[in-house]
Protein backbone atom coordinates (compact mmCIF):
# COMPACT_ATOMS: atom_id res chain seq x y z
CA UNK A 1 -48.65 208.88 192.18
CA UNK A 2 -50.16 206.35 189.73
CA UNK A 3 -48.79 202.88 189.24
CA UNK A 4 -46.73 202.08 186.14
CA UNK A 5 -47.79 199.12 184.04
CA UNK A 6 -44.46 197.59 182.99
CA UNK A 7 -46.12 195.29 180.46
CA UNK A 8 -47.57 198.23 178.54
CA UNK A 9 -44.41 200.32 178.89
CA UNK A 10 -42.18 197.62 177.33
CA UNK A 11 -44.68 196.21 174.85
CA UNK A 12 -43.30 195.25 171.45
CA UNK A 13 -46.03 195.75 168.87
CA UNK A 14 -46.72 193.21 166.15
CA UNK A 15 -45.95 194.06 162.54
CA UNK A 16 -48.33 193.79 159.62
CA UNK A 17 -48.10 194.69 155.97
CA UNK A 18 -49.66 198.05 156.90
CA UNK A 19 -46.44 198.96 158.75
CA UNK A 20 -44.31 198.44 155.65
CA UNK A 21 -43.53 201.37 153.38
CA UNK A 22 -43.67 199.34 150.19
CA UNK A 23 -45.92 196.38 149.43
CA UNK A 24 -46.85 194.24 146.44
CA UNK A 25 -50.00 192.37 145.51
CA UNK A 26 -49.65 188.63 144.93
CA UNK A 27 -52.10 185.96 143.84
CA UNK A 28 -53.53 183.70 146.55
CA UNK A 29 -55.78 181.20 144.79
CA UNK A 30 -58.63 183.23 143.27
CA UNK A 31 -57.87 186.17 145.56
CA UNK A 32 -54.89 188.43 145.99
CA UNK A 33 -53.08 189.47 149.14
CA UNK A 34 -50.76 192.30 150.08
CA UNK A 35 -47.26 191.37 151.22
CA UNK A 36 -44.19 193.47 152.08
CA UNK A 37 -41.81 194.09 149.22
CA UNK A 38 -38.22 192.91 149.72
CA UNK A 39 -36.67 196.38 149.65
CA UNK A 40 -34.05 198.13 151.81
CA UNK A 41 -36.64 200.25 153.68
CA UNK A 42 -38.68 197.23 154.75
CA UNK A 43 -35.56 195.26 155.68
CA UNK A 44 -34.42 198.16 157.89
CA UNK A 45 -37.82 198.19 159.61
CA UNK A 46 -37.58 194.43 160.22
CA UNK A 47 -34.05 194.76 161.62
CA UNK A 48 -35.17 197.55 163.95
CA UNK A 49 -38.09 195.47 165.24
CA UNK A 50 -35.84 192.41 165.71
CA UNK A 51 -33.37 194.55 167.68
CA UNK A 52 -36.22 195.92 169.82
CA UNK A 53 -37.32 192.36 170.55
CA UNK A 54 -33.73 191.30 171.38
CA UNK A 55 -33.44 194.15 173.90
CA UNK A 56 -36.63 193.02 175.64
CA UNK A 57 -35.52 189.37 175.69
CA UNK A 58 -32.13 190.33 177.11
CA UNK A 59 -33.84 192.46 179.77
CA UNK A 60 -36.03 189.50 180.75
CA UNK A 61 -32.99 187.21 180.89
CA UNK A 62 -31.23 189.64 183.25
CA UNK A 63 -34.32 189.85 185.46
CA UNK A 64 -34.61 186.05 185.56
CA UNK A 65 -30.93 185.67 186.43
CA UNK A 66 -31.44 188.08 189.34
CA UNK A 67 -34.51 186.18 190.52
CA UNK A 68 -32.77 182.82 190.31
CA UNK A 69 -29.74 184.15 192.22
CA UNK A 70 -32.05 185.59 194.91
CA UNK A 71 -33.86 182.29 195.32
CA UNK A 72 -30.67 180.30 195.87
């Protein structure tokens, strides 16, 4: 039986403008850059990612509380 890498299993991936369904081009000096558009679809994606991150943080807090209690 192979070992399970918990870090990879619970990894929260970073977002970029490529993950967003709708983007806009904006001026950046002499260049332009692509940024997410403030639309309901992109806001839903952001909320989902924030909730995913909150679940992982809460899981870590529970693990730490267990470790601290065991060390006392």
